[in-house]
N, C-alpha and C. Protein backbone atom coordinates (compact mmCIF):
# COMPACT_ATOMS: atom_id res chain seq x y z
N MET A 1 0.84 -1.18 0.00
CA MET A 1 0.00 0.00 0.00
C MET A 1 0.89 1.24 0.00
N PRO A 2 0.73 2.13 -0.98
CA PRO A 2 1.56 3.33 -1.03
C PRO A 2 1.21 4.31 0.09
N PRO A 3 2.17 5.14 0.49
CA PRO A 3 1.88 6.12 1.53
C PRO A 3 0.81 7.11 1.06
N GLU A 4 0.07 7.65 2.00
CA GLU A 4 -0.95 8.63 1.68
C GLU A 4 -0.35 10.02 1.64
N ARG A 5 -0.95 10.87 0.82
CA ARG A 5 -0.50 12.26 0.73
C ARG A 5 -1.45 13.17 1.51
N ASP A 6 -0.87 14.19 2.13
CA ASP A 6 -1.66 15.22 2.78
C ASP A 6 -2.30 16.07 1.68
N ASP A 7 -3.61 16.28 1.75
CA ASP A 7 -4.32 17.02 0.71
C ASP A 7 -3.85 18.47 0.60
N LYS A 8 -3.48 19.08 1.72
CA LYS A 8 -3.09 20.49 1.71
C LYS A 8 -1.66 20.69 1.23
N THR A 9 -0.73 19.89 1.72
CA THR A 9 0.69 20.12 1.42
C THR A 9 1.20 19.25 0.27
N GLY A 10 0.52 18.15 -0.01
CA GLY A 10 1.01 17.23 -1.03
C GLY A 10 2.11 16.32 -0.53
N ARG A 11 2.52 16.49 0.72
CA ARG A 11 3.57 15.65 1.30
C ARG A 11 2.99 14.30 1.70
N TYR A 12 3.85 13.31 1.64
CA TYR A 12 3.44 11.99 2.11
C TYR A 12 3.35 11.99 3.62
N THR A 13 2.35 11.33 4.15
CA THR A 13 2.22 11.20 5.60
C THR A 13 3.05 10.02 6.05
N PRO A 14 3.68 10.14 7.22
CA PRO A 14 4.52 9.03 7.70
C PRO A 14 3.70 7.78 7.97
N SER A 15 4.31 6.65 7.74
CA SER A 15 3.65 5.37 7.99
C SER A 15 3.85 4.91 9.42
N TRP A 16 4.67 5.63 10.18
CA TRP A 16 5.02 5.23 11.53
C TRP A 16 4.75 6.37 12.50
N SER A 17 4.84 6.05 13.77
CA SER A 17 4.70 7.06 14.82
C SER A 17 5.87 6.92 15.79
N ASP A 18 6.04 7.92 16.63
CA ASP A 18 7.07 7.84 17.67
C ASP A 18 6.90 6.56 18.48
N GLU A 19 5.65 6.25 18.79
CA GLU A 19 5.36 5.09 19.62
C GLU A 19 5.83 3.78 18.98
N ASP A 20 5.80 3.69 17.66
CA ASP A 20 6.29 2.49 16.98
C ASP A 20 7.77 2.26 17.31
N PHE A 21 8.54 3.32 17.30
CA PHE A 21 9.97 3.20 17.56
C PHE A 21 10.26 2.98 19.04
N LEU A 22 9.48 3.63 19.90
CA LEU A 22 9.64 3.42 21.34
C LEU A 22 9.26 1.99 21.72
N GLU A 23 8.19 1.48 21.12
CA GLU A 23 7.76 0.11 21.39
C GLU A 23 8.81 -0.89 20.92
N ALA A 24 9.43 -0.63 19.78
CA ALA A 24 10.49 -1.51 19.29
C ALA A 24 11.63 -1.56 20.30
N LEU A 25 12.02 -0.41 20.84
CA LEU A 25 13.07 -0.39 21.85
C LEU A 25 12.65 -1.16 23.10
N ARG A 26 11.39 -1.03 23.50
CA ARG A 26 10.90 -1.78 24.65
C ARG A 26 11.03 -3.29 24.40
N GLU A 27 10.65 -3.71 23.20
CA GLU A 27 10.73 -5.13 22.85
C GLU A 27 12.17 -5.63 22.82
N LEU A 28 13.11 -4.72 22.60
CA LEU A 28 14.53 -5.06 22.56
C LEU A 28 15.20 -4.77 23.91
N ASP A 29 14.42 -4.80 24.97
CA ASP A 29 14.90 -4.59 26.35
C ASP A 29 15.52 -3.22 26.58
N GLY A 30 15.09 -2.22 25.80
CA GLY A 30 15.48 -0.84 26.05
C GLY A 30 16.81 -0.41 25.47
N VAL A 31 17.53 -1.32 24.83
CA VAL A 31 18.84 -0.99 24.25
C VAL A 31 18.96 -1.70 22.91
N ALA A 32 19.27 -0.94 21.85
CA ALA A 32 19.36 -1.57 20.53
C ALA A 32 20.11 -0.69 19.55
N GLY A 33 20.57 -1.32 18.51
CA GLY A 33 21.17 -0.61 17.39
C GLY A 33 20.09 -0.20 16.40
N THR A 34 20.46 0.67 15.50
CA THR A 34 19.52 1.19 14.51
C THR A 34 18.92 0.09 13.65
N THR A 35 19.75 -0.84 13.20
CA THR A 35 19.27 -1.91 12.32
C THR A 35 18.25 -2.79 13.04
N ASP A 36 18.49 -3.10 14.31
CA ASP A 36 17.54 -3.91 15.08
C ASP A 36 16.17 -3.24 15.16
N VAL A 37 16.18 -1.94 15.42
CA VAL A 37 14.92 -1.19 15.51
C VAL A 37 14.25 -1.15 14.13
N ALA A 38 15.02 -0.89 13.09
CA ALA A 38 14.47 -0.84 11.74
C ALA A 38 13.81 -2.17 11.37
N ASP A 39 14.44 -3.26 11.73
CA ASP A 39 13.88 -4.58 11.43
C ASP A 39 12.53 -4.79 12.12
N LEU A 40 12.44 -4.39 13.39
CA LEU A 40 11.18 -4.56 14.13
C LEU A 40 10.07 -3.65 13.61
N VAL A 41 10.43 -2.43 13.27
CA VAL A 41 9.43 -1.46 12.80
C VAL A 41 9.09 -1.70 11.33
N ASP A 42 9.95 -2.42 10.64
CA ASP A 42 9.79 -2.70 9.21
C ASP A 42 9.93 -1.44 8.37
N CYS A 43 11.08 -0.79 8.58
CA CYS A 43 11.41 0.40 7.79
C CYS A 43 12.89 0.31 7.43
N SER A 44 13.34 1.25 6.64
CA SER A 44 14.76 1.27 6.27
C SER A 44 15.60 1.69 7.47
N ARG A 45 16.87 1.35 7.42
CA ARG A 45 17.79 1.76 8.48
C ARG A 45 17.86 3.29 8.55
N LYS A 46 17.86 3.93 7.38
CA LYS A 46 17.94 5.39 7.31
C LYS A 46 16.72 6.04 7.99
N THR A 47 15.53 5.50 7.73
CA THR A 47 14.32 6.01 8.37
C THR A 47 14.39 5.84 9.88
N ALA A 48 14.80 4.66 10.32
CA ALA A 48 14.92 4.40 11.76
C ALA A 48 15.93 5.36 12.40
N TYR A 49 17.05 5.57 11.74
CA TYR A 49 18.07 6.48 12.28
C TYR A 49 17.49 7.88 12.47
N HIS A 50 16.83 8.40 11.45
CA HIS A 50 16.29 9.75 11.54
C HIS A 50 15.20 9.84 12.62
N TRP A 51 14.35 8.83 12.70
CA TRP A 51 13.28 8.85 13.69
C TRP A 51 13.85 8.76 15.10
N LEU A 52 14.81 7.86 15.31
CA LEU A 52 15.43 7.71 16.63
C LEU A 52 16.22 8.96 17.01
N ASN A 53 16.86 9.58 16.04
CA ASN A 53 17.60 10.81 16.29
C ASN A 53 16.64 11.91 16.75
N ASP A 54 15.48 12.00 16.11
CA ASP A 54 14.47 12.98 16.53
C ASP A 54 13.99 12.68 17.95
N LEU A 55 13.78 11.40 18.26
CA LEU A 55 13.37 11.01 19.61
C LEU A 55 14.46 11.38 20.63
N ALA A 56 15.71 11.25 20.26
CA ALA A 56 16.81 11.63 21.15
C ALA A 56 16.81 13.14 21.37
N ASP A 57 16.56 13.90 20.30
CA ASP A 57 16.49 15.36 20.44
C ASP A 57 15.34 15.78 21.36
N LYS A 58 14.26 14.99 21.39
CA LYS A 58 13.11 15.26 22.26
C LYS A 58 13.32 14.75 23.68
N GLY A 59 14.42 14.02 23.90
CA GLY A 59 14.70 13.49 25.23
C GLY A 59 14.00 12.17 25.54
N GLU A 60 13.43 11.53 24.52
CA GLU A 60 12.71 10.27 24.72
C GLU A 60 13.66 9.06 24.77
N VAL A 61 14.75 9.15 24.05
CA VAL A 61 15.77 8.09 24.05
C VAL A 61 17.14 8.74 24.15
N GLU A 62 18.10 7.94 24.52
CA GLU A 62 19.48 8.41 24.60
C GLU A 62 20.27 7.74 23.49
N ARG A 63 21.17 8.48 22.87
CA ARG A 63 22.05 7.88 21.87
C ARG A 63 23.45 7.82 22.47
N ARG A 64 24.09 6.69 22.29
CA ARG A 64 25.41 6.49 22.86
C ARG A 64 26.24 5.66 21.90
N GLU A 65 27.48 6.06 21.71
CA GLU A 65 28.38 5.27 20.87
C GLU A 65 29.07 4.25 21.76
N ILE A 66 28.87 2.99 21.42
CA ILE A 66 29.46 1.89 22.18
C ILE A 66 30.24 1.02 21.21
N GLY A 67 31.54 0.94 21.42
CA GLY A 67 32.37 0.11 20.55
C GLY A 67 32.33 0.54 19.10
N GLY A 68 32.19 1.82 18.84
CA GLY A 68 32.15 2.31 17.47
C GLY A 68 30.78 2.20 16.81
N SER A 69 29.78 1.70 17.53
CA SER A 69 28.43 1.59 16.98
C SER A 69 27.48 2.48 17.76
N LEU A 70 26.56 3.08 17.04
CA LEU A 70 25.55 3.92 17.68
C LEU A 70 24.49 3.04 18.30
N THR A 71 24.22 3.28 19.58
CA THR A 71 23.24 2.48 20.33
C THR A 71 22.19 3.44 20.88
N TRP A 72 20.94 2.97 20.81
CA TRP A 72 19.81 3.76 21.31
C TRP A 72 19.33 3.14 22.61
N ILE A 73 19.11 3.99 23.60
CA ILE A 73 18.72 3.52 24.93
C ILE A 73 17.43 4.22 25.32
N LEU A 74 16.44 3.43 25.67
CA LEU A 74 15.15 3.97 26.08
C LEU A 74 15.29 4.68 27.40
N ASP A 75 14.79 5.89 27.48
CA ASP A 75 14.82 6.66 28.72
C ASP A 75 14.00 5.92 29.77
N SER A 76 14.57 5.68 30.92
CA SER A 76 13.91 4.89 31.94
C SER A 76 12.99 5.70 32.85
N ASP A 77 12.88 7.01 32.63
CA ASP A 77 12.01 7.85 33.48
C ASP A 77 10.56 7.55 33.27
């Protein structure tokens, strides 16, 4: 099914929500790499990275480089 377009802007509406990415992290015990989250949400790695990065900017998740890999950590608050 192709993405839907917003009638006013003509932009495609996202197929996912913040909660989809947060739930994926919960299912992965609160700590995961971008590819793991992308696989669970069923999106590209690039989409997952941008979405998780936005969540980190909002303070919903923490990003940490561990062993040269970017790791996302669910905020425990």
